[in-house]
Protein backbone atom coordinates (compact mmCIF):
# COMPACT_ATOMS: atom_id res chain seq x y z
CA UNK A 1 0.00 0.00 0.00
CA UNK A 2 1.37 3.40 -0.98
CA UNK A 3 1.15 6.17 1.54
CA UNK A 4 0.46 9.78 0.73
CA UNK A 5 2.08 12.12 3.23
CA UNK A 6 1.81 15.83 3.89
CA UNK A 7 4.66 17.79 5.45
CA UNK A 8 3.92 20.85 7.57
CA UNK A 9 7.18 22.81 7.86
CA UNK A 10 7.83 26.00 9.78
CA UNK A 11 10.22 27.31 7.13
CA UNK A 12 11.62 26.22 3.79
CA UNK A 13 14.63 24.52 5.43
CA UNK A 14 12.43 22.54 7.83
CA UNK A 15 9.98 21.68 5.06
CA UNK A 16 12.85 20.37 2.89
CA UNK A 17 14.04 18.18 5.76
CA UNK A 18 10.44 17.06 6.34
CA UNK A 19 10.16 16.04 2.68
CA UNK A 20 13.09 13.68 3.12
CA UNK A 21 11.58 12.44 6.41
CA UNK A 22 8.34 11.72 4.54
CA UNK A 23 10.30 9.81 1.90
CA UNK A 24 11.88 7.76 4.69
CA UNK A 25 8.43 7.09 6.15
CA UNK A 26 7.43 5.71 2.76
CA UNK A 27 10.72 3.81 2.29
CA UNK A 28 11.86 2.85 5.81
CA UNK A 29 14.76 0.70 4.60
CA UNK A 30 16.30 3.47 2.48
CA UNK A 31 20.05 3.93 2.74
CA UNK A 32 22.15 7.06 2.29
CA UNK A 33 22.80 5.97 -1.30
CA UNK A 34 19.03 5.57 -1.87
CA UNK A 35 18.42 9.10 -0.59
CA UNK A 36 21.17 10.52 -2.75
CA UNK A 37 19.56 8.80 -5.74
CA UNK A 38 16.04 9.98 -4.84
CA UNK A 39 17.21 13.55 -4.16
CA UNK A 40 20.20 13.97 -6.47
CA UNK A 41 22.50 16.93 -5.91
CA UNK A 42 22.43 17.84 -9.60
CA UNK A 43 18.62 18.20 -9.49
CA UNK A 44 18.10 20.03 -6.20
CA UNK A 45 21.39 21.91 -5.83
CA UNK A 46 22.01 20.48 -2.37
CA UNK A 47 23.50 17.22 -1.20
CA UNK A 48 22.41 14.67 1.39
CA UNK A 49 25.34 13.26 3.33
CA UNK A 50 26.04 11.70 6.70
CA UNK A 51 26.26 14.14 9.60
CA UNK A 52 29.69 12.73 10.43
CA UNK A 53 30.95 13.64 6.95
CA UNK A 54 29.39 17.11 7.13
CA UNK A 55 30.84 17.85 10.55
CA UNK A 56 34.22 16.41 9.62
CA UNK A 57 34.72 18.53 6.54
CA UNK A 58 36.93 21.53 7.11
CA UNK A 59 35.10 24.23 5.23
CA UNK A 60 36.59 27.60 4.48
CA UNK A 61 34.81 30.75 5.57
CA UNK A 62 32.83 31.48 8.72
CA UNK A 63 29.45 31.31 6.98
CA UNK A 64 29.91 27.71 5.79
CA UNK A 65 31.23 26.62 9.19
CA UNK A 66 28.14 28.10 10.85
CA UNK A 67 25.91 26.20 8.42
CA UNK A 68 27.65 22.89 9.15
CA UNK A 69 27.36 23.59 12.89
CA UNK A 70 23.66 24.42 12.50
CA UNK A 71 22.96 20.88 11.25
CA UNK A 72 24.07 19.38 14.56
CA UNK A 73 23.01 22.16 16.91
CA UNK A 74 19.44 22.35 15.64
CA UNK A 75 18.96 18.61 15.14
CA UNK A 76 18.47 19.19 11.43
CA UNK A 77 19.22 15.58 10.60
CA UNK A 78 17.36 12.31 10.15
CA UNK A 79 18.35 8.87 11.38
CA UNK A 80 18.20 5.96 8.98
CA UNK A 81 17.22 2.43 9.98
CA UNK A 82 20.91 1.45 10.10
CA UNK A 83 21.61 4.28 12.57
CA UNK A 84 23.30 6.62 10.09
CA UNK A 85 22.44 10.27 10.70
CA UNK A 86 21.92 12.18 7.45
CA UNK A 87 21.35 15.83 6.61
CA UNK A 88 21.64 18.32 3.80
CA UNK A 89 25.15 19.71 3.45
CA UNK A 90 23.62 23.17 3.41
CA UNK A 91 20.46 23.62 5.50
CA UNK A 92 19.52 26.89 3.76
CA UNK A 93 16.90 26.70 0.99
CA UNK A 94 16.58 29.75 -1.26
CA UNK A 95 13.44 29.86 -3.40
CA UNK A 96 14.98 28.34 -6.56
CA UNK A 97 16.40 25.30 -4.76
CA UNK A 98 13.29 24.89 -2.63
CA UNK A 99 11.15 24.77 -5.77
CA UNK A 100 13.31 21.92 -7.10
CA UNK A 101 12.94 19.75 -4.00
CA UNK A 102 9.19 20.38 -3.89
CA UNK A 103 8.92 19.17 -7.48
CA UNK A 104 10.62 15.94 -6.43
CA UNK A 105 8.28 15.74 -3.43
CA UNK A 106 5.25 15.82 -5.71
CA UNK A 107 6.79 13.04 -7.80
CA UNK A 108 6.88 10.88 -4.64
CA UNK A 109 3.29 11.73 -3.54
CA UNK A 110 4.49 14.05 -0.78
CA UNK A 111 2.44 17.19 -0.23
CA UNK A 112 3.73 20.11 1.79
CA UNK A 113 2.77 23.35 3.45
CA UNK A 114 5.20 26.01 4.66
CA UNK A 115 4.34 28.36 7.49
CA UNK A 116 6.56 31.04 8.92
CA UNK A 117 7.58 30.90 12.56
CA UNK A 118 8.52 33.48 15.11
CA UNK A 119 12.13 34.46 14.61
CA UNK A 120 14.63 35.28 17.30
CA UNK A 121 17.32 33.93 19.52
CA UNK A 122 16.61 30.47 20.86
CA UNK A 123 13.70 29.84 18.47
CA UNK A 124 13.83 26.49 16.74
CA UNK A 125 11.66 25.44 13.84
CA UNK A 126 10.38 21.98 13.08
CA UNK A 127 8.12 19.98 10.81
CA UNK A 128 5.46 17.37 11.26
CA UNK A 129 4.15 14.64 8.99
CA UNK A 130 0.57 13.59 8.38
CA UNK A 131 -0.44 10.44 6.54
CA UNK A 132 -3.26 11.58 4.26
CA UNK A 133 -4.41 8.25 2.92
CA UNK A 134 -3.28 4.86 1.93
CA UNK A 135 -4.05 3.76 -1.57
CA UNK A 136 -5.39 0.25 -1.53
CA UNK A 137 -4.84 -1.90 -4.55
CA UNK A 138 -8.01 -3.48 -5.83
CA UNK A 139 -7.08 -7.04 -6.58
CA UNK A 140 -9.32 -8.17 -9.44
CA UNK A 141 -7.92 -11.67 -9.46
CA UNK A 142 -8.86 -12.24 -5.82
CA UNK A 143 -12.43 -11.05 -6.45
CA UNK A 144 -12.69 -13.23 -9.57
CA UNK A 145 -11.61 -16.35 -7.66
CA UNK A 146 -14.05 -15.51 -4.86
CA UNK A 147 -16.90 -15.06 -7.37
CA UNK A 148 -16.09 -18.42 -9.02
CA UNK A 149 -16.12 -20.16 -5.63
CA UNK A 150 -19.47 -18.59 -4.71
CA UNK A 151 -20.96 -19.50 -8.10
CA UNK A 152 -19.65 -23.04 -7.65
CA UNK A 153 -21.32 -23.32 -4.23
CA UNK A 154 -24.59 -21.92 -5.59
CA UNK A 155 -24.47 -24.31 -8.56
CA UNK A 156 -23.74 -27.27 -6.28
CA UNK A 157 -26.77 -26.58 -4.10
CA UNK A 158 -28.97 -25.83 -7.12
CA UNK A 159 -28.10 -29.24 -8.63
CA UNK A 160 -29.00 -31.15 -5.45
C-alpha atoms as a PDB file:
ATOM      1  CA  UNK A   1       0.000   0.000   0.000  1.00  0.00           C
ATOM      2  CA  UNK A   2       1.370   3.396  -0.984  1.00  0.00           C
ATOM      3  CA  UNK A   3       1.149   6.171   1.536  1.00  0.00           C
ATOM      4  CA  UNK A   4       0.455   9.776   0.728  1.00  0.00           C
ATOM      5  CA  UNK A   5       2.080  12.118   3.230  1.00  0.00           C
ATOM      6  CA  UNK A   6       1.808  15.834   3.891  1.00  0.00           C
ATOM      7  CA  UNK A   7       4.663  17.791   5.449  1.00  0.00           C
ATOM      8  CA  UNK A   8       3.921  20.848   7.569  1.00  0.00           C
ATOM      9  CA  UNK A   9       7.178  22.809   7.864  1.00  0.00           C
ATOM     10  CA  UNK A  10       7.831  25.998   9.780  1.00  0.00           C
ATOM     11  CA  UNK A  11      10.224  27.312   7.126  1.00  0.00           C
ATOM     12  CA  UNK A  12      11.625  26.223   3.791  1.00  0.00           C
ATOM     13  CA  UNK A  13      14.625  24.516   5.429  1.00  0.00           C
ATOM     14  CA  UNK A  14      12.433  22.536   7.833  1.00  0.00           C
ATOM     15  CA  UNK A  15       9.978  21.676   5.062  1.00  0.00           C
ATOM     16  CA  UNK A  16      12.846  20.373   2.889  1.00  0.00           C
ATOM     17  CA  UNK A  17      14.037  18.183   5.759  1.00  0.00           C
ATOM     18  CA  UNK A  18      10.437  17.064   6.336  1.00  0.00           C
ATOM     19  CA  UNK A  19      10.155  16.041   2.676  1.00  0.00           C
ATOM     20  CA  UNK A  20      13.093  13.676   3.118  1.00  0.00           C
ATOM     21  CA  UNK A  21      11.580  12.438   6.405  1.00  0.00           C
ATOM     22  CA  UNK A  22       8.336  11.717   4.536  1.00  0.00           C
ATOM     23  CA  UNK A  23      10.302   9.814   1.896  1.00  0.00           C
ATOM     24  CA  UNK A  24      11.882   7.757   4.693  1.00  0.00           C
ATOM     25  CA  UNK A  25       8.425   7.093   6.145  1.00  0.00           C
ATOM     26  CA  UNK A  26       7.425   5.707   2.761  1.00  0.00           C
ATOM     27  CA  UNK A  27      10.721   3.815   2.292  1.00  0.00           C
ATOM     28  CA  UNK A  28      11.860   2.850   5.814  1.00  0.00           C
ATOM     29  CA  UNK A  29      14.765   0.695   4.601  1.00  0.00           C
ATOM     30  CA  UNK A  30      16.297   3.473   2.478  1.00  0.00           C
ATOM     31  CA  UNK A  31      20.046   3.927   2.736  1.00  0.00           C
ATOM     32  CA  UNK A  32      22.145   7.057   2.290  1.00  0.00           C
ATOM     33  CA  UNK A  33      22.797   5.973  -1.303  1.00  0.00           C
ATOM     34  CA  UNK A  34      19.034   5.567  -1.869  1.00  0.00           C
ATOM     35  CA  UNK A  35      18.415   9.104  -0.586  1.00  0.00           C
ATOM     36  CA  UNK A  36      21.172  10.517  -2.751  1.00  0.00           C
ATOM     37  CA  UNK A  37      19.564   8.800  -5.735  1.00  0.00           C
ATOM     38  CA  UNK A  38      16.039   9.982  -4.838  1.00  0.00           C
ATOM     39  CA  UNK A  39      17.213  13.547  -4.156  1.00  0.00           C
ATOM     40  CA  UNK A  40      20.204  13.969  -6.470  1.00  0.00           C
ATOM     41  CA  UNK A  41      22.499  16.928  -5.910  1.00  0.00           C
ATOM     42  CA  UNK A  42      22.434  17.840  -9.601  1.00  0.00           C
ATOM     43  CA  UNK A  43      18.623  18.199  -9.491  1.00  0.00           C
ATOM     44  CA  UNK A  44      18.102  20.030  -6.196  1.00  0.00           C
ATOM     45  CA  UNK A  45      21.386  21.911  -5.825  1.00  0.00           C
ATOM     46  CA  UNK A  46      22.013  20.483  -2.366  1.00  0.00           C
ATOM     47  CA  UNK A  47      23.505  17.220  -1.204  1.00  0.00           C
ATOM     48  CA  UNK A  48      22.413  14.673   1.390  1.00  0.00           C
ATOM     49  CA  UNK A  49      25.339  13.262   3.330  1.00  0.00           C
ATOM     50  CA  UNK A  50      26.039  11.704   6.699  1.00  0.00           C
ATOM     51  CA  UNK A  51      26.260  14.142   9.604  1.00  0.00           C
ATOM     52  CA  UNK A  52      29.689  12.725  10.431  1.00  0.00           C
ATOM     53  CA  UNK A  53      30.951  13.645   6.952  1.00  0.00           C
ATOM     54  CA  UNK A  54      29.392  17.105   7.128  1.00  0.00           C
ATOM     55  CA  UNK A  55      30.839  17.847  10.554  1.00  0.00           C
ATOM     56  CA  UNK A  56      34.218  16.411   9.619  1.00  0.00           C
ATOM     57  CA  UNK A  57      34.725  18.533   6.544  1.00  0.00           C
ATOM     58  CA  UNK A  58      36.932  21.526   7.112  1.00  0.00           C
ATOM     59  CA  UNK A  59      35.102  24.234   5.227  1.00  0.00           C
ATOM     60  CA  UNK A  60      36.594  27.596   4.478  1.00  0.00           C
ATOM     61  CA  UNK A  61      34.809  30.751   5.566  1.00  0.00           C
ATOM     62  CA  UNK A  62      32.831  31.478   8.720  1.00  0.00           C
ATOM     63  CA  UNK A  63      29.449  31.308   6.976  1.00  0.00           C
ATOM     64  CA  UNK A  64      29.908  27.712   5.786  1.00  0.00           C
ATOM     65  CA  UNK A  65      31.228  26.618   9.194  1.00  0.00           C
ATOM     66  CA  UNK A  66      28.139  28.096  10.849  1.00  0.00           C
ATOM     67  CA  UNK A  67      25.909  26.201   8.415  1.00  0.00           C
ATOM     68  CA  UNK A  68      27.649  22.887   9.146  1.00  0.00           C
ATOM     69  CA  UNK A  69      27.364  23.592  12.892  1.00  0.00           C
ATOM     70  CA  UNK A  70      23.664  24.422  12.501  1.00  0.00           C
ATOM     71  CA  UNK A  71      22.964  20.883  11.255  1.00  0.00           C
ATOM     72  CA  UNK A  72      24.067  19.378  14.564  1.00  0.00           C
ATOM     73  CA  UNK A  73      23.012  22.160  16.913  1.00  0.00           C
ATOM     74  CA  UNK A  74      19.437  22.348  15.643  1.00  0.00           C
ATOM     75  CA  UNK A  75      18.962  18.612  15.141  1.00  0.00           C
ATOM     76  CA  UNK A  76      18.465  19.188  11.426  1.00  0.00           C
ATOM     77  CA  UNK A  77      19.223  15.582  10.599  1.00  0.00           C
ATOM     78  CA  UNK A  78      17.364  12.309  10.151  1.00  0.00           C
ATOM     79  CA  UNK A  79      18.351   8.870  11.383  1.00  0.00           C
ATOM     80  CA  UNK A  80      18.199   5.958   8.976  1.00  0.00           C
ATOM     81  CA  UNK A  81      17.224   2.434   9.976  1.00  0.00           C
ATOM     82  CA  UNK A  82      20.908   1.452  10.101  1.00  0.00           C
ATOM     83  CA  UNK A  83      21.609   4.277  12.573  1.00  0.00           C
ATOM     84  CA  UNK A  84      23.298   6.623  10.093  1.00  0.00           C
ATOM     85  CA  UNK A  85      22.443  10.274  10.702  1.00  0.00           C
ATOM     86  CA  UNK A  86      21.921  12.180   7.452  1.00  0.00           C
ATOM     87  CA  UNK A  87      21.350  15.827   6.610  1.00  0.00           C
ATOM     88  CA  UNK A  88      21.636  18.323   3.802  1.00  0.00           C
ATOM     89  CA  UNK A  89      25.146  19.706   3.450  1.00  0.00           C
ATOM     90  CA  UNK A  90      23.618  23.175   3.406  1.00  0.00           C
ATOM     91  CA  UNK A  91      20.464  23.622   5.502  1.00  0.00           C
ATOM     92  CA  UNK A  92      19.521  26.887   3.757  1.00  0.00           C
ATOM     93  CA  UNK A  93      16.902  26.700   0.993  1.00  0.00           C
ATOM     94  CA  UNK A  94      16.576  29.747  -1.262  1.00  0.00           C
ATOM     95  CA  UNK A  95      13.436  29.861  -3.399  1.00  0.00           C
ATOM     96  CA  UNK A  96      14.975  28.344  -6.556  1.00  0.00           C
ATOM     97  CA  UNK A  97      16.397  25.305  -4.763  1.00  0.00           C
ATOM     98  CA  UNK A  98      13.291  24.895  -2.634  1.00  0.00           C
ATOM     99  CA  UNK A  99      11.152  24.771  -5.773  1.00  0.00           C
ATOM    100  CA  UNK A 100      13.312  21.923  -7.097  1.00  0.00           C
ATOM    101  CA  UNK A 101      12.935  19.749  -3.998  1.00  0.00           C
ATOM    102  CA  UNK A 102       9.190  20.381  -3.885  1.00  0.00           C
ATOM    103  CA  UNK A 103       8.924  19.174  -7.478  1.00  0.00           C
ATOM    104  CA  UNK A 104      10.617  15.943  -6.430  1.00  0.00           C
ATOM    105  CA  UNK A 105       8.276  15.737  -3.425  1.00  0.00           C
ATOM    106  CA  UNK A 106       5.252  15.824  -5.710  1.00  0.00           C
ATOM    107  CA  UNK A 107       6.790  13.042  -7.798  1.00  0.00           C
ATOM    108  CA  UNK A 108       6.881  10.882  -4.640  1.00  0.00           C
ATOM    109  CA  UNK A 109       3.291  11.733  -3.543  1.00  0.00           C
ATOM    110  CA  UNK A 110       4.493  14.048  -0.784  1.00  0.00           C
ATOM    111  CA  UNK A 111       2.441  17.191  -0.230  1.00  0.00           C
ATOM    112  CA  UNK A 112       3.733  20.108   1.794  1.00  0.00           C
ATOM    113  CA  UNK A 113       2.772  23.354   3.454  1.00  0.00           C
ATOM    114  CA  UNK A 114       5.202  26.012   4.663  1.00  0.00           C
ATOM    115  CA  UNK A 115       4.338  28.362   7.490  1.00  0.00           C
ATOM    116  CA  UNK A 116       6.559  31.045   8.916  1.00  0.00           C
ATOM    117  CA  UNK A 117       7.581  30.899  12.559  1.00  0.00           C
ATOM    118  CA  UNK A 118       8.520  33.482  15.109  1.00  0.00           C
ATOM    119  CA  UNK A 119      12.125  34.465  14.610  1.00  0.00           C
ATOM    120  CA  UNK A 120      14.626  35.282  17.296  1.00  0.00           C
ATOM    121  CA  UNK A 121      17.323  33.930  19.520  1.00  0.00           C
ATOM    122  CA  UNK A 122      16.608  30.474  20.864  1.00  0.00           C
ATOM    123  CA  UNK A 123      13.704  29.841  18.471  1.00  0.00           C
ATOM    124  CA  UNK A 124      13.834  26.492  16.738  1.00  0.00           C
ATOM    125  CA  UNK A 125      11.663  25.441  13.844  1.00  0.00           C
ATOM    126  CA  UNK A 126      10.379  21.979  13.080  1.00  0.00           C
ATOM    127  CA  UNK A 127       8.123  19.980  10.810  1.00  0.00           C
ATOM    128  CA  UNK A 128       5.457  17.370  11.259  1.00  0.00           C
ATOM    129  CA  UNK A 129       4.149  14.635   8.991  1.00  0.00           C
ATOM    130  CA  UNK A 130       0.575  13.592   8.382  1.00  0.00           C
ATOM    131  CA  UNK A 131      -0.439  10.438   6.539  1.00  0.00           C
ATOM    132  CA  UNK A 132      -3.258  11.578   4.260  1.00  0.00           C
ATOM    133  CA  UNK A 133      -4.414   8.252   2.919  1.00  0.00           C
ATOM    134  CA  UNK A 134      -3.283   4.859   1.928  1.00  0.00           C
ATOM    135  CA  UNK A 135      -4.047   3.756  -1.572  1.00  0.00           C
ATOM    136  CA  UNK A 136      -5.394   0.248  -1.530  1.00  0.00           C
ATOM    137  CA  UNK A 137      -4.840  -1.903  -4.553  1.00  0.00           C
ATOM    138  CA  UNK A 138      -8.006  -3.483  -5.834  1.00  0.00           C
ATOM    139  CA  UNK A 139      -7.082  -7.044  -6.576  1.00  0.00           C
ATOM    140  CA  UNK A 140      -9.319  -8.170  -9.436  1.00  0.00           C
ATOM    141  CA  UNK A 141      -7.916 -11.669  -9.457  1.00  0.00           C
ATOM    142  CA  UNK A 142      -8.864 -12.241  -5.824  1.00  0.00           C
ATOM    143  CA  UNK A 143     -12.425 -11.051  -6.450  1.00  0.00           C
ATOM    144  CA  UNK A 144     -12.688 -13.229  -9.573  1.00  0.00           C
ATOM    145  CA  UNK A 145     -11.609 -16.346  -7.655  1.00  0.00           C
ATOM    146  CA  UNK A 146     -14.046 -15.511  -4.859  1.00  0.00           C
ATOM    147  CA  UNK A 147     -16.897 -15.062  -7.374  1.00  0.00           C
ATOM    148  CA  UNK A 148     -16.093 -18.416  -9.020  1.00  0.00           C
ATOM    149  CA  UNK A 149     -16.115 -20.164  -5.631  1.00  0.00           C
ATOM    150  CA  UNK A 150     -19.467 -18.587  -4.708  1.00  0.00           C
ATOM    151  CA  UNK A 151     -20.957 -19.502  -8.103  1.00  0.00           C
ATOM    152  CA  UNK A 152     -19.651 -23.044  -7.653  1.00  0.00           C
ATOM    153  CA  UNK A 153     -21.318 -23.321  -4.232  1.00  0.00           C
ATOM    154  CA  UNK A 154     -24.595 -21.918  -5.591  1.00  0.00           C
ATOM    155  CA  UNK A 155     -24.473 -24.306  -8.564  1.00  0.00           C
ATOM    156  CA  UNK A 156     -23.737 -27.275  -6.283  1.00  0.00           C
ATOM    157  CA  UNK A 157     -26.767 -26.582  -4.095  1.00  0.00           C
ATOM    158  CA  UNK A 158     -28.972 -25.833  -7.121  1.00  0.00           C
ATOM    159  CA  UNK A 159     -28.103 -29.240  -8.628  1.00  0.00           C
ATOM    160  CA  UNK A 160     -28.998 -31.151  -5.449  1.00  0.00           C
END
